[in-house]
Amino acid sequence: MKLSFSSNAYTRHSVFTAVEGIAAAGYEGVELLADIPHLYPFSFGAKEVRQLQELLRHYGLAVANINANTAVGYYGRTFWEPLFEPSLANPDQVARKWRIDYTKKCIELGHLLGAGTVSVTSGCMLPGIWPEQSLELLRESLREIVSFAQQYHIRIGIEYEPGLLISCVEELVSFLGVFDSPLLGANLDLGHSHVLGEDHVEVISSLGEKIFHIHLEDISRRKHYHLIPGQGDMDFSSIFTALAKQQYKGYITVELYTYSNTPDDAARRSFSYLQGLPFWSDREKKQCA
């Protein structure tokens, strides 16, 4: 397991500043936000890609994931909250095609930057369409996206979230069971799991090898607000033990978009707390032995 930090904490800064801050905090990887003001794929050009490639090489940072969850750039301006629509399940054919094309461009960016995964969400439950119909639209979109991703060897991780079309682990496991592809799995946000009252150990076990990438933050009293690890009531020791038992070897990305005013401080404090846990200390001792 390797620690990463998401650039979506740095939305008041450029992606280049984000990479510098995340590297300075000590992380091995960085998750890149595929939205404004960072890697919005319809405006992030070849020159910026080369500049970012050079910066990543300079700091020795790997790209843990391309975060294609939100679509703020679609509207051409910033908002007070992340926007998931238009999603891959949107009933409007033109809007859904835009999201499919956007996701394909994220896959291409991921390939250029050395990412192995791209994360997506199911989108919202919209009025005027039954959830079952939305799920079928989501399946149609993902068939096209997964087929496209094969040539780049990129895996697609669906992130479930309270209030969205796929909102819990049970729904995600069911969806993945019907959509049988080695390139489709989970972008598991364990904070979402905690908000829902799910058992972390059971969640990790039920998804198993389908866990492609992990988002991590702390949560207090099951309120969906991302906190620096150690400030809430999540049991990180049991989480890391369960992941080790599952032999998860991917990235664990700290996701703190709630700290856009103080991203450097949030990155440093999160890294310090997580590295101080017995699990990480024991692992480092074994590596040095």
C-alpha atoms as a PDB file:
ATOM      1  CA  MET A   1       0.000   0.000   0.000  1.00  0.00           C
ATOM      2  CA  LYS A   2       1.167   3.490  -0.856  1.00  0.00           C
ATOM      3  CA  LEU A   3      -0.028   6.900   0.298  1.00  0.00           C
ATOM      4  CA  SER A   4      -1.268   9.538  -2.120  1.00  0.00           C
ATOM      5  CA  PHE A   5      -3.026  12.892  -1.814  1.00  0.00           C
ATOM      6  CA  SER A   6      -5.701  14.327  -4.092  1.00  0.00           C
ATOM      7  CA  SER A   7      -5.135  17.580  -5.936  1.00  0.00           C
ATOM      8  CA  ASN A   8      -8.795  18.470  -5.364  1.00  0.00           C
ATOM      9  CA  ALA A   9      -7.731  20.048  -2.060  1.00  0.00           C
ATOM     10  CA  TYR A  10      -5.838  22.597  -4.177  1.00  0.00           C
ATOM     11  CA  THR A  11      -8.680  24.060  -6.238  1.00  0.00           C
ATOM     12  CA  ARG A  12      -7.518  27.584  -5.337  1.00  0.00           C
ATOM     13  CA  HIS A  13      -4.163  26.769  -6.931  1.00  0.00           C
ATOM     14  CA  SER A  14      -2.834  25.339 -10.178  1.00  0.00           C
ATOM     15  CA  VAL A  15      -2.236  21.619 -10.579  1.00  0.00           C
ATOM     16  CA  PHE A  16       1.493  22.375 -10.713  1.00  0.00           C
ATOM     17  CA  THR A  17       1.387  24.043  -7.299  1.00  0.00           C
ATOM     18  CA  ALA A  18      -0.627  21.072  -6.036  1.00  0.00           C
ATOM     19  CA  VAL A  19       2.011  18.587  -7.184  1.00  0.00           C
ATOM     20  CA  GLU A  20       4.760  20.605  -5.497  1.00  0.00           C
ATOM     21  CA  GLY A  21       2.838  20.788  -2.219  1.00  0.00           C
ATOM     22  CA  ILE A  22       1.944  17.092  -2.226  1.00  0.00           C
ATOM     23  CA  ALA A  23       5.529  16.085  -2.967  1.00  0.00           C
ATOM     24  CA  ALA A  24       6.808  18.342  -0.176  1.00  0.00           C
ATOM     25  CA  ALA A  25       4.453  16.637   2.286  1.00  0.00           C
ATOM     26  CA  GLY A  26       6.105  13.262   1.601  1.00  0.00           C
ATOM     27  CA  TYR A  27       3.554  11.338  -0.464  1.00  0.00           C
ATOM     28  CA  GLU A  28       4.479   8.702  -3.046  1.00  0.00           C
ATOM     29  CA  GLY A  29       1.550   9.504  -5.318  1.00  0.00           C
ATOM     30  CA  VAL A  30      -0.888  12.178  -6.393  1.00  0.00           C
ATOM     31  CA  GLU A  31      -4.482  11.897  -7.534  1.00  0.00           C
ATOM     32  CA  LEU A  32      -5.203  14.433 -10.272  1.00  0.00           C
ATOM     33  CA  LEU A  33      -8.556  16.194 -10.479  1.00  0.00           C
ATOM     34  CA  ALA A  34      -9.832  15.999 -14.078  1.00  0.00           C
ATOM     35  CA  ASP A  35     -11.865  19.171 -13.756  1.00  0.00           C
ATOM     36  CA  ILE A  36     -11.311  22.896 -13.529  1.00  0.00           C
ATOM     37  CA  PRO A  37      -8.969  24.351 -12.404  1.00  0.00           C
ATOM     38  CA  HIS A  38      -6.678  21.332 -12.894  1.00  0.00           C
ATOM     39  CA  LEU A  39      -6.811  18.649 -15.624  1.00  0.00           C
ATOM     40  CA  TYR A  40     -10.042  19.618 -17.345  1.00  0.00           C
ATOM     41  CA  PRO A  41      -9.512  17.468 -20.463  1.00  0.00           C
ATOM     42  CA  PHE A  42     -11.088  19.865 -22.957  1.00  0.00           C
ATOM     43  CA  SER A  43      -8.621  22.648 -22.106  1.00  0.00           C
ATOM     44  CA  PHE A  44      -5.540  20.921 -20.646  1.00  0.00           C
ATOM     45  CA  GLY A  45      -3.327  20.846 -23.722  1.00  0.00           C
ATOM     46  CA  ALA A  46      -0.168  19.097 -24.882  1.00  0.00           C
ATOM     47  CA  LYS A  47       2.090  21.837 -23.496  1.00  0.00           C
ATOM     48  CA  GLU A  48       0.553  21.508 -20.025  1.00  0.00           C
ATOM     49  CA  VAL A  49       0.786  17.714 -20.203  1.00  0.00           C
ATOM     50  CA  ARG A  50       4.521  17.896 -20.942  1.00  0.00           C
ATOM     51  CA  GLN A  51       5.037  20.398 -18.138  1.00  0.00           C
ATOM     52  CA  LEU A  52       3.181  18.139 -15.713  1.00  0.00           C
ATOM     53  CA  GLN A  53       5.097  15.049 -16.861  1.00  0.00           C
ATOM     54  CA  GLU A  54       8.376  16.843 -16.187  1.00  0.00           C
ATOM     55  CA  LEU A  55       7.212  18.019 -12.764  1.00  0.00           C
ATOM     56  CA  LEU A  56       6.096  14.528 -11.746  1.00  0.00           C
ATOM     57  CA  ARG A  57       9.447  13.090 -12.836  1.00  0.00           C
ATOM     58  CA  HIS A  58      11.315  15.816 -10.963  1.00  0.00           C
ATOM     59  CA  TYR A  59       9.572  14.996  -7.690  1.00  0.00           C
ATOM     60  CA  GLY A  60       9.366  11.235  -8.252  1.00  0.00           C
ATOM     61  CA  LEU A  61       5.591  11.268  -7.857  1.00  0.00           C
ATOM     62  CA  ALA A  62       3.367   8.633  -9.453  1.00  0.00           C
ATOM     63  CA  VAL A  63      -0.186   9.367 -10.571  1.00  0.00           C
ATOM     64  CA  ALA A  64      -2.381   7.276  -8.289  1.00  0.00           C
ATOM     65  CA  ASN A  65      -5.652   8.016 -10.076  1.00  0.00           C
ATOM     66  CA  ILE A  66      -7.378  10.386 -12.465  1.00  0.00           C
ATOM     67  CA  ASN A  67     -10.414  11.718 -10.596  1.00  0.00           C
ATOM     68  CA  ALA A  68     -13.168  12.083 -13.214  1.00  0.00           C
ATOM     69  CA  ASN A  69     -16.020  12.271 -10.707  1.00  0.00           C
ATOM     70  CA  THR A  70     -17.165  15.870 -11.111  1.00  0.00           C
ATOM     71  CA  ALA A  71     -18.162  18.045 -14.077  1.00  0.00           C
ATOM     72  CA  VAL A  72     -17.812  21.645 -12.944  1.00  0.00           C
ATOM     73  CA  GLY A  73     -15.996  22.484 -16.177  1.00  0.00           C
ATOM     74  CA  TYR A  74     -19.098  21.607 -18.178  1.00  0.00           C
ATOM     75  CA  TYR A  75     -20.731  24.784 -16.871  1.00  0.00           C
ATOM     76  CA  GLY A  76     -17.741  27.032 -17.537  1.00  0.00           C
ATOM     77  CA  ARG A  77     -17.508  28.504 -14.062  1.00  0.00           C
ATOM     78  CA  THR A  78     -16.847  27.468 -10.477  1.00  0.00           C
ATOM     79  CA  PHE A  79     -19.604  26.522  -8.046  1.00  0.00           C
ATOM     80  CA  TRP A  80     -19.880  26.234  -4.302  1.00  0.00           C
ATOM     81  CA  GLU A  81     -20.236  22.447  -4.496  1.00  0.00           C
ATOM     82  CA  PRO A  82     -18.984  19.584  -6.688  1.00  0.00           C
ATOM     83  CA  LEU A  83     -21.313  18.812  -9.592  1.00  0.00           C
ATOM     84  CA  PHE A  84     -21.841  15.241 -10.805  1.00  0.00           C
ATOM     85  CA  GLU A  85     -24.170  15.972 -13.708  1.00  0.00           C
ATOM     86  CA  PRO A  86     -24.249  15.430 -16.574  1.00  0.00           C
ATOM     87  CA  SER A  87     -23.308  11.884 -15.602  1.00  0.00           C
ATOM     88  CA  LEU A  88     -22.891   8.593 -17.421  1.00  0.00           C
ATOM     89  CA  ALA A  89     -26.513   7.819 -16.503  1.00  0.00           C
ATOM     90  CA  ASN A  90     -28.027  11.132 -17.609  1.00  0.00           C
ATOM     91  CA  PRO A  91     -31.229  10.588 -19.642  1.00  0.00           C
ATOM     92  CA  ASP A  92     -30.371  13.397 -22.049  1.00  0.00           C
ATOM     93  CA  GLN A  93     -28.547  11.736 -24.940  1.00  0.00           C
ATOM     94  CA  VAL A  94     -26.435  14.782 -25.814  1.00  0.00           C
ATOM     95  CA  ALA A  95     -25.413  15.398 -22.201  1.00  0.00           C
ATOM     96  CA  ARG A  96     -24.580  11.737 -21.651  1.00  0.00           C
ATOM     97  CA  LYS A  97     -22.461  11.643 -24.817  1.00  0.00           C
ATOM     98  CA  TRP A  98     -20.562  14.671 -23.526  1.00  0.00           C
ATOM     99  CA  ARG A  99     -19.778  12.756 -20.336  1.00  0.00           C
ATOM    100  CA  ILE A 100     -18.688   9.672 -22.270  1.00  0.00           C
ATOM    101  CA  ASP A 101     -16.374  11.759 -24.453  1.00  0.00           C
ATOM    102  CA  TYR A 102     -15.047  13.555 -21.367  1.00  0.00           C
ATOM    103  CA  THR A 103     -14.278  10.226 -19.685  1.00  0.00           C
ATOM    104  CA  LYS A 104     -12.478   8.953 -22.780  1.00  0.00           C
ATOM    105  CA  LYS A 105     -10.299  12.063 -22.759  1.00  0.00           C
ATOM    106  CA  CYS A 106      -9.563  11.431 -19.071  1.00  0.00           C
ATOM    107  CA  ILE A 107      -8.428   7.924 -20.014  1.00  0.00           C
ATOM    108  CA  GLU A 108      -6.115   9.376 -22.662  1.00  0.00           C
ATOM    109  CA  LEU A 109      -4.705  11.849 -20.134  1.00  0.00           C
ATOM    110  CA  GLY A 110      -4.237   9.039 -17.642  1.00  0.00           C
ATOM    111  CA  HIS A 111      -2.281   7.044 -20.207  1.00  0.00           C
ATOM    112  CA  LEU A 112       0.006  10.003 -20.957  1.00  0.00           C
ATOM    113  CA  LEU A 113       0.638  10.596 -17.248  1.00  0.00           C
ATOM    114  CA  GLY A 114       1.145   6.973 -16.245  1.00  0.00           C
ATOM    115  CA  ALA A 115      -2.070   6.479 -14.282  1.00  0.00           C
ATOM    116  CA  GLY A 116      -3.531   3.002 -13.996  1.00  0.00           C
ATOM    117  CA  THR A 117      -7.042   4.015 -12.977  1.00  0.00           C
ATOM    118  CA  VAL A 118      -9.733   6.573 -13.710  1.00  0.00           C
ATOM    119  CA  SER A 119     -12.525   7.038 -11.166  1.00  0.00           C
ATOM    120  CA  VAL A 120     -16.141   7.827 -12.069  1.00  0.00           C
ATOM    121  CA  THR A 121     -19.461   8.105 -10.261  1.00  0.00           C
ATOM    122  CA  SER A 122     -22.904   6.842 -11.180  1.00  0.00           C
ATOM    123  CA  GLY A 123     -24.417  10.318 -11.084  1.00  0.00           C
ATOM    124  CA  CYS A 124     -27.562  11.533  -9.364  1.00  0.00           C
ATOM    125  CA  MET A 125     -31.059  10.074  -9.280  1.00  0.00           C
ATOM    126  CA  LEU A 126     -32.918  12.529 -11.477  1.00  0.00           C
ATOM    127  CA  PRO A 127     -36.665  13.232 -11.605  1.00  0.00           C
ATOM    128  CA  GLY A 128     -38.642  11.720 -14.458  1.00  0.00           C
ATOM    129  CA  ILE A 129     -36.638   8.506 -14.778  1.00  0.00           C
ATOM    130  CA  TRP A 130     -36.718   5.336 -12.672  1.00  0.00           C
ATOM    131  CA  PRO A 131     -33.438   4.256 -11.026  1.00  0.00           C
ATOM    132  CA  GLU A 132     -33.566   0.960 -12.958  1.00  0.00           C
ATOM    133  CA  GLN A 133     -33.632   2.897 -16.228  1.00  0.00           C
ATOM    134  CA  SER A 134     -30.737   5.064 -15.071  1.00  0.00           C
ATOM    135  CA  LEU A 135     -28.711   1.963 -14.221  1.00  0.00           C
ATOM    136  CA  GLU A 136     -29.234   0.633 -17.741  1.00  0.00           C
ATOM    137  CA  LEU A 137     -28.017   3.933 -19.192  1.00  0.00           C
ATOM    138  CA  LEU A 138     -24.991   3.711 -16.904  1.00  0.00           C
ATOM    139  CA  ARG A 139     -24.271   0.189 -18.156  1.00  0.00           C
ATOM    140  CA  GLU A 140     -24.506   1.345 -21.777  1.00  0.00           C
ATOM    141  CA  SER A 141     -22.098   4.208 -21.140  1.00  0.00           C
ATOM    142  CA  LEU A 142     -19.618   2.028 -19.288  1.00  0.00           C
ATOM    143  CA  ARG A 143     -19.611  -0.642 -21.999  1.00  0.00           C
ATOM    144  CA  GLU A 144     -18.368   1.984 -24.431  1.00  0.00           C
ATOM    145  CA  ILE A 145     -15.888   3.443 -21.946  1.00  0.00           C
ATOM    146  CA  VAL A 146     -14.442   0.084 -20.864  1.00  0.00           C
ATOM    147  CA  SER A 147     -14.048  -0.946 -24.495  1.00  0.00           C
ATOM    148  CA  PHE A 148     -12.159   2.297 -25.136  1.00  0.00           C
ATOM    149  CA  ALA A 149     -10.012   1.856 -21.999  1.00  0.00           C
ATOM    150  CA  GLN A 150      -8.769  -1.578 -23.086  1.00  0.00           C
ATOM    151  CA  GLN A 151      -6.294  -0.160 -25.599  1.00  0.00           C
ATOM    152  CA  TYR A 152      -4.702   1.938 -22.842  1.00  0.00           C
ATOM    153  CA  HIS A 153      -4.798  -0.763 -20.134  1.00  0.00           C
ATOM    154  CA  ILE A 154      -6.629   1.674 -17.858  1.00  0.00           C
ATOM    155  CA  ARG A 155      -9.036   0.403 -15.210  1.00  0.00           C
ATOM    156  CA  ILE A 156     -12.272   2.229 -14.361  1.00  0.00           C
ATOM    157  CA  GLY A 157     -13.287   2.501 -10.704  1.00  0.00           C
ATOM    158  CA  ILE A 158     -16.862   3.388  -9.764  1.00  0.00           C
ATOM    159  CA  GLU A 159     -17.165   5.395  -6.559  1.00  0.00           C
ATOM    160  CA  TYR A 160     -20.364   4.919  -4.597  1.00  0.00           C
ATOM    161  CA  GLU A 161     -21.608   7.827  -2.538  1.00  0.00           C
ATOM    162  CA  PRO A 162     -24.625   8.479  -0.291  1.00  0.00           C
ATOM    163  CA  GLY A 163     -27.434  10.029  -2.332  1.00  0.00           C
ATOM    164  CA  LEU A 164     -26.161   8.977  -5.756  1.00  0.00           C
ATOM    165  CA  LEU A 165     -27.583   6.310  -8.071  1.00  0.00           C
ATOM    166  CA  ILE A 166     -25.097   3.755  -6.753  1.00  0.00           C
ATOM    167  CA  SER A 167     -25.031   4.801  -3.128  1.00  0.00           C
ATOM    168  CA  CYS A 168     -23.722   1.860  -1.072  1.00  0.00           C
ATOM    169  CA  VAL A 169     -21.457  -1.171  -1.265  1.00  0.00           C
ATOM    170  CA  GLU A 170     -24.352  -3.600  -1.768  1.00  0.00           C
ATOM    171  CA  GLU A 171     -25.483  -1.721  -4.881  1.00  0.00           C
ATOM    172  CA  LEU A 172     -21.951  -1.521  -6.258  1.00  0.00           C
ATOM    173  CA  VAL A 173     -21.268  -5.224  -5.712  1.00  0.00           C
ATOM    174  CA  SER A 174     -24.542  -6.036  -7.477  1.00  0.00           C
ATOM    175  CA  PHE A 175     -23.734  -3.733 -10.405  1.00  0.00           C
ATOM    176  CA  LEU A 176     -20.220  -5.121 -10.835  1.00  0.00           C
ATOM    177  CA  GLY A 177     -21.581  -8.660 -10.689  1.00  0.00           C
ATOM    178  CA  VAL A 178     -23.827  -8.015 -13.686  1.00  0.00           C
ATOM    179  CA  PHE A 179     -21.172  -6.015 -15.545  1.00  0.00           C
ATOM    180  CA  ASP A 180     -18.425  -8.632 -15.614  1.00  0.00           C
ATOM    181  CA  SER A 181     -15.203  -6.988 -16.787  1.00  0.00           C
ATOM    182  CA  PRO A 182     -11.675  -7.108 -15.337  1.00  0.00           C
ATOM    183  CA  LEU A 183     -11.350  -3.403 -16.176  1.00  0.00           C
ATOM    184  CA  LEU A 184     -14.362  -2.305 -14.111  1.00  0.00           C
ATOM    185  CA  GLY A 185     -14.168  -2.156 -10.348  1.00  0.00           C
ATOM    186  CA  ALA A 186     -14.350   0.139  -7.341  1.00  0.00           C
ATOM    187  CA  ASN A 187     -12.884   3.460  -6.372  1.00  0.00           C
ATOM    188  CA  LEU A 188     -13.628   2.809  -2.711  1.00  0.00           C
ATOM    189  CA  ASP A 189     -14.162   5.872  -0.532  1.00  0.00           C
ATOM    190  CA  LEU A 190     -14.059   4.516   3.009  1.00  0.00           C
ATOM    191  CA  GLY A 191     -15.417   7.767   4.413  1.00  0.00           C
ATOM    192  CA  HIS A 192     -18.603   7.205   2.422  1.00  0.00           C
ATOM    193  CA  SER A 193     -18.764   3.716   3.867  1.00  0.00           C
ATOM    194  CA  HIS A 194     -18.478   5.153   7.377  1.00  0.00           C
ATOM    195  CA  VAL A 195     -21.220   7.736   6.740  1.00  0.00           C
ATOM    196  CA  LEU A 196     -23.529   4.894   5.695  1.00  0.00           C
ATOM    197  CA  GLY A 197     -22.748   2.881   8.822  1.00  0.00           C
ATOM    198  CA  GLU A 198     -21.193   0.063   6.814  1.00  0.00           C
ATOM    199  CA  ASP A 199     -18.636  -2.241   8.407  1.00  0.00           C
ATOM    200  CA  HIS A 200     -15.252  -1.416   6.857  1.00  0.00           C
ATOM    201  CA  VAL A 201     -13.978  -4.972   7.164  1.00  0.00           C
ATOM    202  CA  GLU A 202     -17.052  -6.396   5.428  1.00  0.00           C
ATOM    203  CA  VAL A 203     -16.918  -3.726   2.711  1.00  0.00           C
ATOM    204  CA  ILE A 204     -13.287  -4.480   1.911  1.00  0.00           C
ATOM    205  CA  SER A 205     -13.948  -8.220   1.935  1.00  0.00           C
ATOM    206  CA  SER A 206     -17.045  -7.995  -0.283  1.00  0.00           C
ATOM    207  CA  LEU A 207     -15.265  -5.950  -2.961  1.00  0.00           C
ATOM    208  CA  GLY A 208     -12.002  -7.864  -2.700  1.00  0.00           C
ATOM    209  CA  GLU A 209      -9.884  -7.690  -5.844  1.00  0.00           C
ATOM    210  CA  LYS A 210     -12.345  -5.252  -7.377  1.00  0.00           C
ATOM    211  CA  ILE A 211     -10.856  -2.470  -5.227  1.00  0.00           C
ATOM    212  CA  PHE A 212      -8.766  -0.554  -7.760  1.00  0.00           C
ATOM    213  CA  HIS A 213      -8.096   2.616  -5.757  1.00  0.00           C
ATOM    214  CA  ILE A 214      -9.036   4.025  -2.346  1.00  0.00           C
ATOM    215  CA  HIS A 215     -10.133   7.432  -1.092  1.00  0.00           C
ATOM    216  CA  LEU A 216      -9.559   8.058   2.600  1.00  0.00           C
ATOM    217  CA  GLU A 217     -10.515  10.834   4.988  1.00  0.00           C
ATOM    218  CA  ASP A 218     -11.872  11.008   8.511  1.00  0.00           C
ATOM    219  CA  ILE A 219     -15.565  11.385   9.355  1.00  0.00           C
ATOM    220  CA  SER A 220     -17.176  12.541  12.587  1.00  0.00           C
ATOM    221  CA  ARG A 221     -20.575  11.254  13.767  1.00  0.00           C
ATOM    222  CA  ARG A 222     -21.384   9.947  10.265  1.00  0.00           C
ATOM    223  CA  LYS A 223     -21.658  13.467   8.849  1.00  0.00           C
ATOM    224  CA  HIS A 224     -20.471  13.597   5.250  1.00  0.00           C
ATOM    225  CA  TYR A 225     -17.722  16.155   5.688  1.00  0.00           C
ATOM    226  CA  HIS A 226     -14.145  15.168   4.882  1.00  0.00           C
ATOM    227  CA  LEU A 227     -11.780  15.683   7.828  1.00  0.00           C
ATOM    228  CA  ILE A 228      -8.038  15.316   8.296  1.00  0.00           C
ATOM    229  CA  PRO A 229      -7.338  11.767   9.547  1.00  0.00           C
ATOM    230  CA  GLY A 230      -7.387  11.745  13.328  1.00  0.00           C
ATOM    231  CA  GLN A 231     -10.062  14.426  13.672  1.00  0.00           C
ATOM    232  CA  GLY A 232     -13.061  12.108  13.398  1.00  0.00           C
ATOM    233  CA  ASP A 233     -14.067   8.701  14.694  1.00  0.00           C
ATOM    234  CA  MET A 234     -12.970   6.283  11.973  1.00  0.00           C
ATOM    235  CA  ASP A 235     -10.874   3.270  13.036  1.00  0.00           C
ATOM    236  CA  PHE A 236      -7.886   3.471  10.681  1.00  0.00           C
ATOM    237  CA  SER A 237      -5.976   0.637  12.313  1.00  0.00           C
ATOM    238  CA  SER A 238      -8.754  -1.847  11.528  1.00  0.00           C
ATOM    239  CA  ILE A 239      -9.057  -0.434   8.003  1.00  0.00           C
ATOM    240  CA  PHE A 240      -5.364  -0.915   7.211  1.00  0.00           C
ATOM    241  CA  THR A 241      -5.372  -4.361   8.799  1.00  0.00           C
ATOM    242  CA  ALA A 242      -8.337  -5.385   6.622  1.00  0.00           C
ATOM    243  CA  LEU A 243      -6.648  -4.012   3.502  1.00  0.00           C
ATOM    244  CA  ALA A 244      -3.446  -5.882   4.326  1.00  0.00           C
ATOM    245  CA  LYS A 245      -5.431  -9.088   4.832  1.00  0.00           C
ATOM    246  CA  GLN A 246      -7.009  -8.530   1.418  1.00  0.00           C
ATOM    247  CA  GLN A 247      -3.462  -8.026   0.053  1.00  0.00           C
ATOM    248  CA  TYR A 248      -4.345  -4.628  -1.359  1.00  0.00           C
ATOM    249  CA  LYS A 249      -1.193  -3.154  -2.875  1.00  0.00           C
ATOM    250  CA  GLY A 250      -2.550  -0.017  -4.543  1.00  0.00           C
ATOM    251  CA  TYR A 251      -2.744   3.620  -3.574  1.00  0.00           C
ATOM    252  CA  ILE A 252      -4.636   5.053  -0.634  1.00  0.00           C
ATOM    253  CA  THR A 253      -5.427   8.648  -1.560  1.00  0.00           C
ATOM    254  CA  VAL A 254      -6.275  11.148   1.148  1.00  0.00           C
ATOM    255  CA  GLU A 255      -9.134  13.241  -0.266  1.00  0.00           C
ATOM    256  CA  LEU A 256      -9.669  16.569   1.478  1.00  0.00           C
ATOM    257  CA  TYR A 257     -11.393  18.922  -0.972  1.00  0.00           C
ATOM    258  CA  THR A 258     -12.891  20.522   2.149  1.00  0.00           C
ATOM    259  CA  TYR A 259      -9.506  22.105   2.969  1.00  0.00           C
ATOM    260  CA  SER A 260      -9.080  24.320  -0.093  1.00  0.00           C
ATOM    261  CA  ASN A 261      -8.021  27.240   2.156  1.00  0.00           C
ATOM    262  CA  THR A 262      -5.137  25.288   3.740  1.00  0.00           C
ATOM    263  CA  PRO A 263      -4.209  22.376   1.449  1.00  0.00           C
ATOM    264  CA  ASP A 264      -0.492  22.252   2.305  1.00  0.00           C
ATOM    265  CA  ASP A 265      -1.237  22.049   6.018  1.00  0.00           C
ATOM    266  CA  ALA A 266      -3.927  19.396   5.456  1.00  0.00           C
ATOM    267  CA  ALA A 267      -1.556  17.310   3.331  1.00  0.00           C
ATOM    268  CA  ARG A 268       1.258  17.467   5.902  1.00  0.00           C
ATOM    269  CA  ARG A 269      -0.947  16.737   8.911  1.00  0.00           C
ATOM    270  CA  SER A 270      -2.648  13.820   7.174  1.00  0.00           C
ATOM    271  CA  PHE A 271       0.666  12.280   6.161  1.00  0.00           C
ATOM    272  CA  SER A 272       2.103  12.698   9.649  1.00  0.00           C
ATOM    273  CA  TYR A 273      -0.924  11.084  11.286  1.00  0.00           C
ATOM    274  CA  LEU A 274      -1.164   8.124   8.921  1.00  0.00           C
ATOM    275  CA  GLN A 275       2.585   7.443   8.998  1.00  0.00           C
ATOM    276  CA  GLY A 276       2.403   7.430  12.778  1.00  0.00           C
ATOM    277  CA  LEU A 277      -0.114   4.587  12.931  1.00  0.00           C
ATOM    278  CA  PRO A 278       1.252   1.232  14.187  1.00  0.00           C
ATOM    279  CA  PHE A 279       0.465  -0.410  10.840  1.00  0.00           C
ATOM    280  CA  TRP A 280       2.811   1.874   8.909  1.00  0.00           C
ATOM    281  CA  SER A 281       5.497   1.837  11.591  1.00  0.00           C
ATOM    282  CA  ASP A 282       5.501  -1.983  11.644  1.00  0.00           C
ATOM    283  CA  ARG A 283       5.655  -2.103   7.865  1.00  0.00           C
ATOM    284  CA  GLU A 284       8.657   0.234   7.782  1.00  0.00           C
ATOM    285  CA  LYS A 285      10.446  -1.871  10.410  1.00  0.00           C
ATOM    286  CA  LYS A 286       9.946  -5.015   8.304  1.00  0.00           C
ATOM    287  CA  GLN A 287      11.228  -3.249   5.188  1.00  0.00           C
ATOM    288  CA  CYS A 288      14.386  -2.155   7.028  1.00  0.00           C
ATOM    289  CA  ALA A 289      15.020  -5.596   8.565  1.00  0.00           C
END
